[in-house]
Protein backbone atom coordinates (compact mmCIF):
# COMPACT_ATOMS: atom_id res chain seq x y z
CA MET A 1 -1.73 -5.48 4.72
CA ALA A 2 0.00 -4.92 8.02
CA THR A 3 -0.86 -7.12 11.10
CA VAL A 4 -2.71 -5.26 13.67
CA GLN A 5 -1.02 -6.15 16.90
CA LEU A 6 -3.00 -6.07 20.18
CA ILE A 7 -1.50 -4.45 23.43
CA ASN A 8 -3.61 -5.91 26.23
CA ASP A 9 -1.33 -6.42 29.11
CA GLU A 10 1.39 -4.49 31.07
CA ARG A 11 4.28 -6.66 29.31
CA SER A 12 3.13 -5.78 25.71
CA ALA A 13 2.42 -2.13 26.68
CA SER A 14 6.11 -1.81 28.16
CA ALA A 15 7.43 -3.67 25.06
CA LEU A 16 5.67 -0.91 22.68
CA ALA A 17 7.03 1.88 24.77
CA ASP A 18 10.49 0.43 24.59
CA LEU A 19 10.23 0.02 20.81
CA LEU A 20 9.25 3.76 20.36
CA ASN A 21 11.87 4.88 22.75
CA GLY A 22 14.67 2.53 21.40
CA ASN A 23 17.08 2.79 18.38
CA SER A 24 16.18 -0.37 16.57
CA ARG A 25 13.01 0.73 14.82
CA ARG A 26 13.30 1.36 11.05
CA ARG A 27 9.51 1.94 10.19
CA PRO A 28 6.87 4.32 11.53
CA VAL A 29 4.62 2.97 14.17
CA ALA A 30 0.73 3.68 14.27
CA VAL A 31 -0.97 3.30 17.68
CA VAL A 32 -4.84 3.36 17.87
CA THR A 33 -6.61 3.19 21.13
CA ILE A 34 -10.14 2.04 22.16
CA PRO A 35 -11.96 4.40 24.47
CA ALA A 36 -13.10 3.22 27.83
CA GLY A 37 -16.70 1.47 27.68
CA ARG A 38 -16.22 0.45 24.15
CA THR A 39 -14.92 -2.70 22.60
CA LYS A 40 -14.06 -1.27 19.30
CA PRO A 41 -12.04 1.88 18.42
CA TRP A 42 -13.80 4.92 16.53
CA ILE A 43 -10.79 4.96 14.36
CA ASP A 44 -10.67 2.27 11.51
CA VAL A 45 -7.58 0.41 12.43
CA GLU A 46 -8.22 -2.13 9.70
CA GLU A 47 -8.12 0.59 7.09
CA ILE A 48 -4.74 1.95 8.48
CA ALA A 49 -3.33 -1.53 8.31
CA ARG A 50 -4.50 -2.02 4.69
CA GLU A 51 -2.80 1.29 3.81
CA ALA A 52 0.28 0.60 5.92
CA GLY A 53 1.36 -2.58 4.02
CA SER A 54 5.00 -3.17 4.78
CA LEU A 55 5.63 0.59 5.27
CA ALA A 56 4.69 0.56 8.91
CA GLU A 57 3.65 -1.23 12.04
CA VAL A 58 0.10 -0.88 13.40
CA TYR A 59 -0.83 -1.39 17.23
CA LEU A 60 -4.23 -1.44 18.86
CA MET A 61 -4.43 -0.56 22.60
CA PRO A 62 -7.69 -0.78 24.61
CA THR A 63 -8.10 1.38 27.91
CA GLY A 64 -7.02 -0.60 30.88
CA PRO A 65 -4.62 -0.49 33.67
CA PHE A 66 -1.68 -1.30 31.14
CA THR A 67 -2.45 2.07 29.49
CA TRP A 68 -0.88 3.83 32.34
CA ASP A 69 2.18 1.59 32.21
CA PHE A 70 2.61 2.68 28.53
CA SER A 71 2.13 6.37 29.28
CA ASN A 72 4.43 6.34 32.23
CA ARG A 73 7.18 5.12 30.00
CA MET A 74 6.59 7.91 27.26
CA ALA A 75 7.79 11.49 27.26
CA GLU A 76 5.45 14.09 28.52
CA GLY A 77 2.87 14.82 25.77
CA THR A 78 3.81 11.80 23.52
CA GLN A 79 1.21 9.32 25.13
CA VAL A 80 -1.83 8.17 23.35
CA TYR A 81 -5.07 6.89 24.93
CA GLY A 82 -8.79 7.42 25.52
CA GLY A 83 -9.79 6.60 21.77
CA ALA A 84 -7.17 8.81 20.01
CA GLY A 85 -4.38 7.72 17.53
CA ARG A 86 -0.84 8.73 16.73
CA VAL A 87 1.90 7.78 14.38
CA TYR A 88 5.65 7.81 15.64
CA PRO A 89 8.06 8.56 12.91
CA VAL A 90 11.59 7.05 12.88
CA GLY A 91 14.11 8.52 15.04
CA HIS A 92 13.54 10.42 18.31
CA GLU A 93 12.78 13.88 17.11
CA TRP A 94 9.09 13.55 17.88
CA ALA A 95 9.88 13.32 21.79
CA SER A 96 10.98 16.91 21.89
CA ASP A 97 8.92 18.38 18.97
CA LEU A 98 5.32 17.22 19.38
CA SER A 99 4.47 18.54 15.93
CA LYS A 100 6.39 15.62 14.41
CA SER A 101 3.77 13.12 15.74
CA PRO A 102 0.36 14.90 16.01
CA LEU A 103 -2.36 13.40 18.19
CA ARG A 104 -5.59 12.62 16.25
CA PHE A 105 -8.70 12.75 18.30
CA ALA A 106 -11.74 10.75 17.81
CA PHE A 107 -14.85 10.93 20.01
CA ASN A 108 -17.63 9.65 17.61
CA GLU A 109 -17.84 7.87 14.29
CA ALA A 110 -17.44 11.22 12.22
CA ASP A 111 -14.34 12.07 14.17
CA GLY A 112 -13.09 8.49 13.54
CA GLU A 113 -13.32 8.83 9.91
CA ARG A 114 -11.36 11.96 9.93
CA ALA A 115 -8.72 10.77 12.28
CA THR A 116 -8.45 7.59 10.20
CA GLN A 117 -7.48 9.52 6.99
CA LYS A 118 -5.12 11.93 8.92
CA LEU A 119 -3.33 8.92 10.47
CA ILE A 120 -2.92 7.36 7.05
CA SER A 121 -1.56 10.54 5.73
CA ASP A 122 0.79 10.91 8.62
CA MET A 123 1.99 7.37 8.34
CA LEU A 124 2.67 7.53 4.49
CA ARG A 125 4.49 10.84 4.79
CA MET A 126 6.69 9.58 7.62
CA ALA A 127 7.42 6.34 5.64
CA ALA A 128 8.43 8.49 2.56
CA ALA A 129 10.63 10.58 4.87
CA ALA A 130 12.28 7.62 6.20
CA GLY A 131 13.24 6.49 2.60
CA LEU A 132 11.16 3.33 2.79
CA LEU A 133 10.04 3.71 -0.65
CA GLN A 134 13.32 2.72 -1.99
CA SER A 135 13.69 -0.07 0.54
CA VAL A 136 10.23 -1.85 0.24
CA PRO A 137 10.85 -5.50 -0.72
CA THR A 138 10.74 -6.14 -4.39
CA ARG A 139 7.43 -7.64 -5.66
CA GLU A 140 5.74 -7.96 -8.93
CA LEU A 141 4.71 -4.55 -10.28
CA ARG A 142 2.50 -4.03 -13.46
CA LYS A 143 3.08 -1.09 -15.74
CA VAL A 144 -0.01 0.95 -16.52
CA ASP A 145 -0.95 3.75 -18.77
CA THR A 146 -4.21 5.21 -17.79
CA THR A 147 -6.14 8.42 -17.09
CA VAL A 148 -6.81 10.29 -13.81
CA LYS A 149 -10.54 9.93 -13.04
CA MET A 150 -10.87 12.45 -10.10
CA VAL A 151 -8.87 13.94 -7.23
CA VAL A 152 -10.29 13.65 -3.92
CA ALA A 153 -9.21 13.66 -0.33
CA GLY A 154 -5.37 13.51 -1.19
CA ARG A 155 -5.78 10.87 -3.62
CA ALA A 156 -5.93 10.58 -7.37
CA LEU A 157 -8.10 7.83 -8.50
CA VAL A 158 -7.08 6.04 -11.52
CA ASP A 159 -8.67 3.11 -13.64
CA VAL A 160 -6.32 -0.17 -13.81
CA GLY A 161 -8.82 -2.50 -15.05
CA ASN A 162 -10.04 -3.73 -11.60
CA LEU A 163 -13.64 -3.46 -9.96
CA PHE A 164 -12.32 -0.56 -7.87
CA PRO A 165 -9.93 2.20 -8.87
CA ALA A 166 -6.45 2.42 -7.79
CA ALA A 167 -4.95 5.43 -6.04
CA ILE A 168 -2.04 7.68 -6.27
CA ALA A 169 -1.08 8.91 -2.86
CA GLU A 170 0.30 12.47 -2.52
CA GLU A 171 2.42 11.64 0.60
CA LEU A 172 4.33 8.96 -1.56
CA THR A 173 4.81 11.00 -4.67
CA VAL A 174 6.41 14.46 -3.99
CA GLU A 175 7.03 15.51 -0.48
CA ASP A 176 4.90 18.44 0.86
CA VAL A 177 3.03 19.09 -2.61
CA PRO A 178 -0.70 18.25 -2.56
CA ILE A 179 -2.05 15.80 -5.19
CA GLU A 180 -4.03 18.53 -6.89
CA ARG A 181 -0.67 20.30 -7.68
CA ILE A 182 0.64 17.04 -9.16
CA VAL A 183 -2.13 15.59 -11.29
CA ALA A 184 -5.78 16.71 -12.54
CA ALA A 185 -8.70 14.77 -13.70
CA GLY A 186 -8.26 13.90 -17.20
CA LEU A 187 -4.42 13.85 -17.17
CA ARG A 188 -2.75 10.83 -18.91
CA ILE A 189 -0.23 9.15 -16.59
CA GLU A 190 2.27 6.33 -16.64
CA GLY A 191 3.18 4.33 -13.56
CA TRP A 192 3.67 0.98 -11.67
CA TYR A 193 0.62 -0.76 -10.06
CA ASP A 194 1.01 -2.55 -6.79
CA ALA A 195 -1.72 -4.91 -6.31
CA ASP A 196 -1.15 -5.43 -2.66
CA SER A 197 -1.63 -1.74 -1.74
CA ASN A 198 -3.80 -0.96 -4.83
CA ARG A 199 -1.54 2.03 -5.29
CA VAL A 200 0.10 3.40 -8.56
CA ASP A 201 3.55 4.88 -8.35
CA ILE A 202 4.20 7.53 -10.77
CA ARG A 203 7.61 8.83 -9.54
CA GLN A 204 9.51 7.71 -12.44
CA SER A 205 7.41 9.82 -14.72
CA LEU A 206 8.06 13.10 -12.87
CA ARG A 207 10.04 15.72 -14.93
CA PRO A 208 13.58 16.51 -13.93
CA HIS A 209 14.25 20.12 -12.96
CA ALA A 210 16.49 20.62 -16.00
CA GLU A 211 13.55 19.93 -18.26
CA ALA A 212 10.97 21.66 -16.03
CA LEU A 213 12.96 24.95 -15.67
CA ALA A 214 14.21 25.27 -19.11
CA ALA A 215 11.86 28.05 -20.04
CA TYR A 216 12.90 30.29 -17.31
CA ALA A 217 14.97 33.36 -18.09
CA VAL A 218 16.90 36.07 -16.36
CA GLY A 219 14.53 38.87 -15.44
CA ASP A 220 11.37 36.38 -15.28
CA VAL A 221 9.38 36.88 -12.22
CA VAL A 222 8.49 33.28 -10.91
CA LEU A 223 6.98 31.63 -8.02
CA SER A 224 9.04 29.96 -5.19
CA LYS A 225 8.25 28.39 -1.90
CA VAL A 226 9.96 29.27 1.44
CA ALA A 227 11.70 26.15 2.73
CA LYS A 228 13.84 27.73 5.56
CA VAL A 229 14.21 31.15 7.22
CA ARG A 230 16.88 32.54 9.14
CA ASN A 231 17.74 36.08 10.48
CA GLY A 232 19.85 37.18 7.29
CA LYS A 233 19.22 34.20 4.71
CA ALA A 234 16.33 32.26 3.45
CA ASP A 235 16.08 29.13 1.14
CA LEU A 236 13.54 29.33 -1.50
CA VAL A 237 12.46 26.20 -3.50
CA LEU A 238 12.14 26.73 -7.27
CA TYR A 239 11.41 22.95 -8.07
CA PRO A 240 10.96 20.06 -5.55
CA GLN A 241 12.87 16.81 -5.62
CA THR A 242 11.50 14.43 -8.33
CA THR A 243 13.80 12.23 -10.37
CA SER A 244 16.39 14.98 -9.82
CA PRO A 245 17.49 16.78 -6.68
CA PRO A 246 15.52 19.81 -5.73
CA VAL A 247 16.41 23.35 -6.95
CA VAL A 248 16.87 25.48 -3.80
CA VAL A 249 18.10 29.10 -4.04
CA SER A 250 19.48 30.95 -0.99
CA VAL A 251 18.51 34.58 -0.82
CA ARG A 252 20.57 36.98 1.39
CA ARG A 253 18.95 39.85 3.25
CA ALA A 254 20.04 42.35 0.48
CA ASP A 255 18.04 40.39 -1.96
CA VAL A 256 14.90 40.82 -0.04
CA THR A 257 15.04 44.18 1.73
CA ALA A 258 16.90 47.35 1.48
CA ASN A 259 17.21 47.72 5.28
CA PRO A 260 20.19 45.99 6.68
CA ALA A 261 18.56 45.60 10.20
CA ASP A 262 15.45 43.68 9.04
CA ASP A 263 15.17 40.11 10.31
CA LEU A 264 13.83 37.77 7.48
CA ARG A 265 11.96 35.77 9.80
CA THR A 266 9.64 38.70 10.18
CA LEU A 267 9.20 39.12 6.31
CA MET A 268 8.41 35.53 5.22
CA THR A 269 6.93 32.38 6.52
CA VAL A 270 7.98 28.71 5.96
CA GLY A 271 5.58 27.17 3.33
CA GLU A 272 4.66 30.63 1.81
CA VAL A 273 4.63 30.99 -1.94
CA ILE A 274 6.28 34.33 -2.98
CA PRO A 275 7.34 35.89 -6.34
CA ALA A 276 10.91 36.42 -7.13
CA ARG A 277 12.82 37.71 -10.00
CA ILE A 278 15.48 35.37 -11.54
CA THR A 279 18.84 36.88 -11.63
CA ALA A 280 20.77 34.06 -12.88
CA THR A 281 19.82 30.73 -14.31
CA GLY A 282 21.16 27.22 -13.54
CA PRO A 283 23.09 25.53 -12.56
CA ASP A 284 23.91 28.55 -10.12
CA TRP A 285 20.36 29.95 -9.85
CA ALA A 286 19.90 33.38 -8.17
CA LEU A 287 16.99 35.13 -7.06
CA ALA A 288 16.03 38.72 -5.98
CA LEU A 289 12.74 39.82 -4.23
CA HIS A 290 13.47 43.59 -3.47
CA ASP A 291 12.55 44.88 -6.98
CA VAL A 292 9.40 42.75 -7.81
CA ASP A 293 6.36 45.07 -8.15
CA ASP A 294 2.81 43.88 -7.41
CA ASP A 295 1.67 44.53 -10.85
CA GLU A 296 4.33 42.57 -12.51
CA PRO A 297 3.18 39.42 -14.47
CA VAL A 298 4.27 36.11 -12.83
CA VAL A 299 5.38 33.32 -15.04
CA SER A 300 3.41 30.26 -14.40
CA ALA A 301 5.29 27.53 -12.28
CA PRO A 302 6.14 24.35 -14.17
CA SER A 303 4.37 21.10 -13.94
CA LEU A 304 5.77 18.14 -12.23
CA LEU A 305 4.24 15.77 -14.80
CA PRO A 306 3.97 16.43 -18.69
CA GLY A 307 0.62 18.33 -19.14
CA GLY A 308 -0.06 18.47 -15.43
CA PRO A 309 -0.90 21.45 -13.38
CA PRO A 310 1.61 23.99 -12.20
CA TRP A 311 3.16 22.80 -8.94
CA LEU A 312 2.88 26.17 -7.34
CA ARG A 313 0.29 28.93 -7.59
CA GLU A 314 -0.02 32.44 -6.09
CA GLU A 315 -1.75 32.58 -2.73
CA PRO A 316 -4.71 34.73 -2.36
CA GLU A 317 -4.61 37.79 -0.35
CA HIS A 318 -6.15 37.37 3.07
CA SER A 319 -8.95 40.00 3.20
CA GLU A 320 -11.55 41.15 5.67
CA ALA A 321 -14.07 39.50 3.57
CA ASP A 322 -12.40 36.28 4.30
CA GLU A 323 -12.54 36.98 7.90
CA GLY A 324 -16.15 37.70 7.95
CA GLU A 325 -16.83 34.57 5.97
CA ALA A 326 -14.75 32.65 8.46
CA ALA A 327 -16.67 34.17 11.22
CA THR A 328 -19.99 33.10 9.72
CA SER A 329 -18.74 29.52 9.53
CA LEU A 330 -18.00 29.02 13.06
CA PRO A 331 -19.76 26.16 14.50
CA MET A 332 -22.77 26.83 16.81
CA PRO A 333 -21.94 26.35 20.59
CA PRO A 334 -23.16 23.21 22.05
CA PRO A 335 -26.36 23.36 23.96
CA ALA A 336 -26.13 24.09 27.71
CA PRO A 337 -25.84 21.09 29.79
CA MET A 338 -29.32 19.64 30.84
CA PRO A 339 -29.80 19.12 34.55
CA VAL A 340 -30.38 15.29 35.35
CA GLN A 341 -33.62 14.97 37.33
CA VAL A 342 -33.03 12.58 40.09
CA THR A 343 -36.07 10.71 41.38
CA GLU A 344 -35.99 8.17 43.98
CA THR A 345 -38.41 5.42 43.92
CA PRO A 346 -40.42 5.64 47.12
CA ALA A 347 -39.96 2.69 49.47
CA PRO A 348 -42.90 0.28 49.49
CA THR A 349 -45.29 0.82 52.63
CA GLN A 350 -47.37 -1.55 54.23
CA PRO A 351 -51.22 -1.11 53.42
CA PRO A 352 -53.07 0.26 56.41
CA ALA A 353 -54.98 -2.37 58.55
CA ALA A 354 -58.50 -2.59 57.73
CA ALA A 355 -60.72 -0.56 60.03
CA ALA A 356 -63.02 -2.39 62.34
CA ALA A 357 -66.47 -2.79 61.02
CA THR A 358 -68.68 -0.50 63.13
CA PRO A 359 -72.23 0.04 62.68
CA ARG A 360 -73.44 3.29 61.15
CA PRO A 361 -75.38 5.67 63.56
CA SER A 362 -79.24 5.35 63.26
CA PRO A 363 -82.43 6.15 65.32
CA ALA A 364 -82.76 2.57 66.34
CA MET A 365 -79.51 3.00 68.46
CA LEU A 366 -81.59 5.23 70.64
CA ASP A 367 -84.39 2.65 71.47
CA ARG A 368 -83.82 1.66 74.98
CA SER A 369 -86.26 -1.22 74.59
CA ARG A 370 -83.77 -2.65 71.97
CA PRO A 371 -81.81 -5.30 73.30
CA GLY A 372 -78.02 -4.18 73.64
CA PRO A 373 -75.16 -6.12 71.81
CA ASN A 374 -73.87 -9.18 72.95
CA PRO A 375 -70.87 -8.98 75.24
CA ARG A 376 -67.42 -9.16 73.50
CA PRO A 377 -65.72 -12.38 73.78
CA ALA A 378 -62.74 -12.35 76.00
CA SER A 379 -60.25 -12.61 73.12
CA THR A 380 -61.23 -12.95 69.43
CA ARG A 381 -57.61 -12.64 67.93
CA PRO A 382 -55.52 -15.64 67.82
CA ALA A 383 -52.28 -15.48 69.63
CA ALA A 384 -49.43 -13.78 67.79
CA HIS A 385 -46.87 -16.02 66.14
CA ARG A 386 -43.39 -15.47 67.20
CA PRO A 387 -40.90 -15.98 64.34
CA THR A 388 -37.92 -18.38 64.92
CA GLU A 389 -34.36 -17.06 65.05
CA SER A 390 -33.56 -18.27 61.59
CA THR A 391 -36.62 -16.25 60.28
CA ARG A 392 -35.65 -13.29 62.10
CA ALA A 393 -31.98 -13.63 60.62
CA LEU A 394 -33.56 -13.81 57.19
CA LEU A 395 -35.68 -10.80 57.56
CA LEU A 396 -32.75 -8.66 58.84
CA LYS A 397 -30.78 -9.95 55.84
CA VAL A 398 -33.43 -8.81 53.52
CA ASP A 399 -33.77 -5.43 55.16
CA GLY A 400 -29.89 -5.01 54.90
CA LEU A 401 -30.08 -6.02 51.17
CA THR A 402 -32.92 -3.76 50.54
CA ALA A 403 -31.01 -0.84 51.93
CA GLU A 404 -27.85 -1.83 49.98
CA ILE A 405 -29.84 -1.91 46.69
CA ALA A 406 -31.37 1.45 47.62
CA GLY A 407 -27.90 2.88 48.07
CA LEU A 408 -26.49 1.26 44.94
CA LYS A 409 -29.40 2.75 43.15
CA ARG A 410 -28.59 6.03 44.39
CA GLU A 411 -24.97 5.57 43.40
CA VAL A 412 -26.14 4.55 39.85
CA VAL A 413 -28.03 7.78 39.73
CA ASN A 414 -24.86 9.85 40.85
CA LEU A 415 -22.72 8.10 38.20
CA GLN A 416 -25.27 8.79 35.61
CA THR A 417 -25.33 12.46 36.49
CA GLN A 418 -21.35 12.50 36.42
CA MET A 419 -21.44 10.77 33.08
CA HIS A 420 -23.89 13.23 31.55
CA ALA A 421 -21.93 16.15 32.94
CA GLY A 422 -18.73 14.64 31.52
CA ALA A 423 -20.32 14.25 28.20
CA ASP A 424 -21.43 17.82 28.23
CA GLU A 425 -18.16 19.01 29.31
CA ARG A 426 -16.48 17.15 26.64
CA GLU A 427 -18.67 18.71 23.96
CA GLN A 428 -17.90 22.13 25.54
CA LEU A 429 -14.22 21.25 25.11
CA ARG A 430 -14.55 19.99 21.75
CA PHE A 431 -16.36 23.39 20.82
CA LEU A 432 -13.50 25.35 22.49
CA LEU A 433 -10.82 23.34 20.69
CA ASP A 434 -12.39 23.81 17.33
CA GLN A 435 -12.55 27.61 18.08
CA ALA A 436 -9.04 27.59 19.16
CA GLU A 437 -7.87 25.85 15.97
CA ARG A 438 -9.86 28.42 13.78
CA ARG A 439 -8.32 31.30 15.76
CA ALA A 440 -4.91 29.82 15.33
CA ASN A 441 -5.47 29.22 11.55
CA LYS A 442 -6.78 32.84 11.18
CA ALA A 443 -3.82 34.26 13.31
CA GLU A 444 -1.42 32.23 11.08
CA ASN A 445 -3.04 33.71 7.92
CA ASP A 446 -3.02 37.32 9.39
CA LEU A 447 0.78 36.66 10.19
CA LYS A 448 1.62 35.42 6.71
CA SER A 449 -0.18 38.43 5.13
CA THR A 450 1.46 40.91 7.55
CA ARG A 451 4.94 39.45 6.62
CA ALA A 452 4.17 39.69 3.10
CA ARG A 453 3.00 43.27 3.25
CA LEU A 454 6.09 44.20 5.40
CA ARG A 455 8.25 42.41 2.88
CA LYS A 456 6.77 44.43 -0.13
CA ALA A 457 7.09 47.64 1.89
CA THR A 458 10.74 47.20 2.72
CA SER A 459 11.59 45.96 -0.75
CA THR A 460 10.48 49.38 -2.02
CA SER A 461 11.52 51.43 0.86
CA LYS A 462 14.93 52.07 -0.69
CA SER A 463 13.33 53.69 -3.95
CA GLU A 464 10.69 55.62 -1.76
CA ARG A 465 13.01 56.98 0.87
CA PRO A 466 13.53 60.82 1.01
CA ALA A 467 15.75 62.24 -1.42
CA GLY A 468 17.96 63.66 1.05
CA ASN A 469 19.05 60.15 2.22
CA GLY A 470 20.09 59.03 -1.27
CA PRO A 471 22.18 60.44 -4.16
CA ARG A 472 21.01 63.65 -5.63
CA PHE A 473 21.68 65.05 -9.14
CA ALA A 474 21.31 68.63 -10.47
CA ASP A 475 21.01 67.10 -14.04
CA PRO A 476 17.73 64.72 -14.26
CA GLU A 477 19.48 62.90 -17.20
CA GLN A 478 22.35 62.08 -14.93
CA GLY A 479 20.03 60.93 -12.22
CA PHE A 480 18.14 58.63 -14.57
CA ARG A 481 21.24 57.19 -15.98
CA TYR A 482 22.27 56.46 -12.40
CA PHE A 483 19.04 54.40 -11.89
CA VAL A 484 19.77 52.28 -14.97
CA LEU A 485 23.42 51.66 -14.02
CA THR A 486 22.18 50.68 -10.57
CA GLN A 487 19.65 48.16 -11.92
CA TRP A 488 22.32 46.87 -14.26
CA ALA A 489 24.81 46.37 -11.32
CA THR A 490 21.96 44.87 -9.14
CA ARG A 491 20.44 42.28 -11.48
CA THR A 492 23.55 41.24 -13.37
CA LEU A 493 26.01 39.14 -11.45
CA PRO A 494 29.64 40.19 -11.51
CA SER A 495 30.53 36.99 -13.41
CA GLU A 496 28.04 37.89 -16.11
CA GLN A 497 28.61 41.44 -16.45
CA ARG A 498 31.49 41.08 -19.05
CA ASN A 499 29.06 39.17 -21.29
CA ARG A 500 26.04 41.38 -20.64
CA PRO A 501 27.65 44.91 -20.69
CA LEU A 502 25.48 48.08 -20.25
CA ALA A 503 25.66 49.56 -23.69
CA ASP A 504 25.53 53.35 -24.13
CA PHE A 505 22.05 54.68 -24.92
CA LEU A 506 20.64 58.05 -26.02
CA ILE A 507 17.75 59.87 -24.07
CA GLY A 508 15.46 61.87 -26.53
CA PRO A 509 14.40 65.35 -25.87
CA ARG A 510 10.67 64.32 -24.73
CA PHE A 511 11.74 61.36 -22.57
CA LEU A 512 12.47 62.85 -19.26
CA GLU A 513 9.59 65.35 -19.63
CA SER A 514 7.02 62.48 -20.36
CA LEU A 515 8.52 60.64 -17.40
CA GLU A 516 8.02 63.44 -14.98
CA ARG A 517 4.36 64.04 -16.27
CA LEU A 518 3.21 60.39 -16.25
CA GLU A 519 1.80 59.27 -12.88
CA GLY A 520 1.30 55.78 -11.48
CA ILE A 521 4.87 54.50 -12.14
CA ARG A 522 8.32 55.05 -10.50
CA ALA A 523 11.30 56.29 -12.24
CA GLU A 524 13.19 53.22 -10.87
CA LYS A 525 10.80 50.80 -12.37
CA VAL A 526 11.19 52.61 -15.85
CA ALA A 527 14.92 52.33 -15.40
CA ASP A 528 14.63 48.63 -14.71
CA VAL A 529 12.99 48.02 -18.09
CA VAL A 530 15.45 50.43 -19.76
CA PHE A 531 18.23 48.16 -18.45
CA GLU A 532 16.36 45.18 -20.03
CA ILE A 533 16.03 46.99 -23.38
CA VAL A 534 19.64 48.21 -23.63
CA THR A 535 21.03 44.74 -22.73
CA GLY A 536 18.86 43.01 -25.08
CA LEU A 537 16.90 41.07 -22.38
CA ALA A 538 13.53 42.62 -22.87
CA PRO A 539 12.55 40.76 -26.16
CA GLN A 540 13.22 37.49 -24.29
CA LEU A 541 10.65 38.41 -21.52
CA PRO A 542 6.99 37.69 -22.46
CA SER A 543 5.71 40.20 -19.99
CA ARG A 544 7.62 43.14 -21.79
CA GLU A 545 5.48 42.45 -25.01
CA VAL A 546 8.11 44.07 -27.19
CA HIS A 547 6.92 44.86 -30.75
CA GLN A 548 7.44 47.47 -33.46
CA LEU A 549 5.46 50.69 -33.25
CA ARG A 550 3.28 51.12 -36.35
CA THR A 551 1.93 54.30 -38.11
CA GLY A 552 -1.73 53.10 -37.04
CA SER A 553 -3.51 50.58 -34.72
CA GLY A 554 -4.03 47.95 -37.52
CA GLY A 555 -1.72 45.05 -37.90
CA ASP A 556 -1.12 45.81 -41.53
CA ASP A 557 -0.08 49.34 -41.02
CA PRO A 558 3.58 50.02 -41.98
CA VAL A 559 6.14 50.30 -39.23
CA ARG A 560 7.32 53.67 -38.25
CA VAL A 561 10.70 54.53 -39.60
CA ARG A 562 12.50 57.82 -39.08
CA ASP A 563 14.40 59.79 -41.74
CA ASP A 564 17.86 58.47 -40.40
CA GLY A 565 16.41 54.91 -40.71
CA ALA A 566 15.69 54.34 -37.03
CA VAL A 567 12.78 52.07 -36.25
CA ALA A 568 10.24 52.67 -33.62
CA TRP A 569 9.60 50.08 -30.97
CA ARG A 570 7.25 49.59 -27.95
CA ALA A 571 7.54 47.70 -24.74
CA SER A 572 5.26 47.25 -21.66
CA LEU A 573 6.13 48.77 -18.37
CA GLN A 574 3.01 47.18 -16.67
CA VAL A 575 0.40 44.78 -17.54
CA ASN A 576 -3.04 43.68 -16.23
CA THR A 577 -3.61 47.23 -14.84
CA PRO A 578 -5.89 50.15 -15.79
CA SER A 579 -4.05 52.35 -18.22
CA ALA A 580 -0.91 50.23 -18.26
CA ARG A 581 2.28 52.14 -19.03
CA ARG A 582 4.36 51.71 -22.11
CA ILE A 583 7.69 52.88 -23.17
CA HIS A 584 8.48 53.94 -26.79
CA TYR A 585 11.98 54.06 -28.04
CA TRP A 586 14.08 54.10 -31.53
CA VAL A 587 16.58 51.38 -32.63
CA LEU A 588 19.15 53.26 -34.68
CA PRO A 589 20.66 51.54 -37.65
CA SER A 590 23.75 51.02 -35.58
CA GLY A 591 21.67 49.10 -33.10
CA GLN A 592 22.08 51.94 -30.39
CA ILE A 593 18.87 52.76 -28.30
CA GLU A 594 17.23 56.07 -28.20
CA LEU A 595 14.59 56.49 -25.45
CA ALA A 596 11.56 58.53 -26.92
CA ARG A 597 8.89 58.74 -24.38
CA VAL A 598 6.79 56.93 -21.80
CA ALA A 599 2.85 56.83 -22.18
CA THR A 600 -0.31 54.77 -21.40
CA HIS A 601 -1.39 51.92 -23.47
CA ASP A 602 -3.61 53.84 -25.68
CA ASP A 603 -1.15 56.47 -26.57
CA PHE A 604 0.99 55.65 -29.68
CA ASP A 605 2.55 59.03 -30.05
CA ILE A 606 6.39 58.84 -30.42
C-alpha cells in the first residue's frame, strides 16, 4: 500500500508542483483534494493508495491558501482542487494534452465512488504505459491455477483460497483491451498471485500472435482495430501485444478506397473495429478493405487466453432507435432553485407602561353632595435615578453589540442565501455537464457511423461507377475475364503471383446468361469468388462452403458426374442473407474449372 502524503502548507504544495513539472519522476502521481468546508474527501484516497502499491505516489491536498500556490505553478488546465482528483502520468505530454490526465470530479458520495474507480483505472493504465510492471521490486509471488468467478467493473474476480477473491486488473493485462474481451466467467486461468496488492498477473499465459493467428488464411475477412490514421495511411491492429509484439498492419489509401483524393481520416476513427480482407499472411501481413461486402461472413477474432472470448467483436450499427433510447435515458433536469425566505427577528420592544388606574364612569360621579376626591399630593413619584458614567458606557456598549449581532445575523442570512444559490447553480452545471457528455458521446457515435458508411460507399464506388468511366467490352466474356484478372492482380501480391498463378478457366454456355438474370449480386463479387475457385483458394475458406453438387438434396445421393468425367461442385457467393446466391461449376478430369451458372441457394440445377 502506498503512503498517502498530505499537502498542508505552501512549502509542500510548491514541492508537489515542482515534482510534477520536473524530470526526476518515474511513477504516476495521484492527487486527491478535499473540498472547502469538509475534513475528508469524497474520493476514497485510502482505496487508491491500496491499489497503487509501489506503482504510483498518492497525495491528499485540502482546500486552503496553499491550493492557489500549487495551481499558480501548474500549466493552465492541469490544476486540481475543490474535491476533484487527477493522476499525472510520467513525462510532460499531459501539460499540453489534457486528455492524458483527465480530471475526475466528485461533489457527493456517489460521485466519489465513481471518481475513485476512474482514478484507479487511470493510475494503473499509466503505470503499465510507463513500463513499471517489469520494474516492480521482486517479491514473493504464488502461482495459482483457478477459475474466474465473475467479471465486473473492469476486474475479473478469482478465488485464490482467501476470504476475499483476488482481482485481475484489465489495465495491467493487455493495453486498451477491456477485461470482458480477455476473460469470461468460468474460464480456467493460470497466473501469479501478489498478496500485497491482492492481484493475479496472467500476462505470462497470454497467447503469442503466431499461435493466435495461425488459423487465418488469405481471403479471410477478419476484424481489426484502428490504431492510427493519417491522410493516406492507417495502422490496423490484428493482434495486440501479449507475450509477443503486436501485429500491426499498415494499409494505404488504395487498400481502402477507390478515390485517390479521399482522406482516410474521414473514413475511419481511432479505436474503431472494422472488417478487412487478408491478402497476405505473416510475417508480412497485408490487408484490404475496399472489396469487403456487408454480407460477407467475418472470421471470429482469436482469443488472448486459451478458451477465452475473442479479443475483438463487431460494433453494432448506430441506429435511430439507439438515439431514441438514449434520449429517453437523459437525466431529469434539477428542480428550479427555491427562493430563500429571509425573515428578520423583530427587535425586542419595551412593554407599554401600565395605564393609570382611573375610576369607571358611574351615576355617583354626578351627585354634587358627594365629597370630591382628596387633592393630589404634590409629588407621588420618587425622584428619577440618574445612571453613573460607567453604567451609561455599559448600556452604550450593549446597544452597539446588539446592533452588531443584528448585522451579523443579516450577514449570515445573506451567506446562506448565497450558499443555497451556489448549490443550485452547481446542480444546474452538473446537469448541463452530463447533457454535454451525452451529446459528445452521441456525436462521436454518429461520426464513427458516418465514417463507416462513407468508407463502405467509397470502397464500392469503383465497381458502381458509370460504365463510361471504366473499361468497356463488346464481348461479355472478355469483360468478365477482365474482372477475374483484376481481382487476382488486386488480391495477390506480386511476390506471390508466381506461386499462385491465375489458371485458364472455361465459361459454360449458360453462365453469363444466368449472371445477367440473377439480381442481388454484382458481377465483380462473382469474379472475386471465381478467382478463389480457379486459384484453389476457395476450399480453404469456410465462408465459401465448397462441396460437391449431388443429384438430389439428400446427403446419400450420388455426386453429379458428366459424361466426360467432370464432377459438379457448388460454392457460396453469399451467406446469412435471404436467397443467398451460389455458384455451380465443373471440375474437369484435367483439373480445369468450367463455370456452369449462378443461382439462389434453393436452386440445384447445373
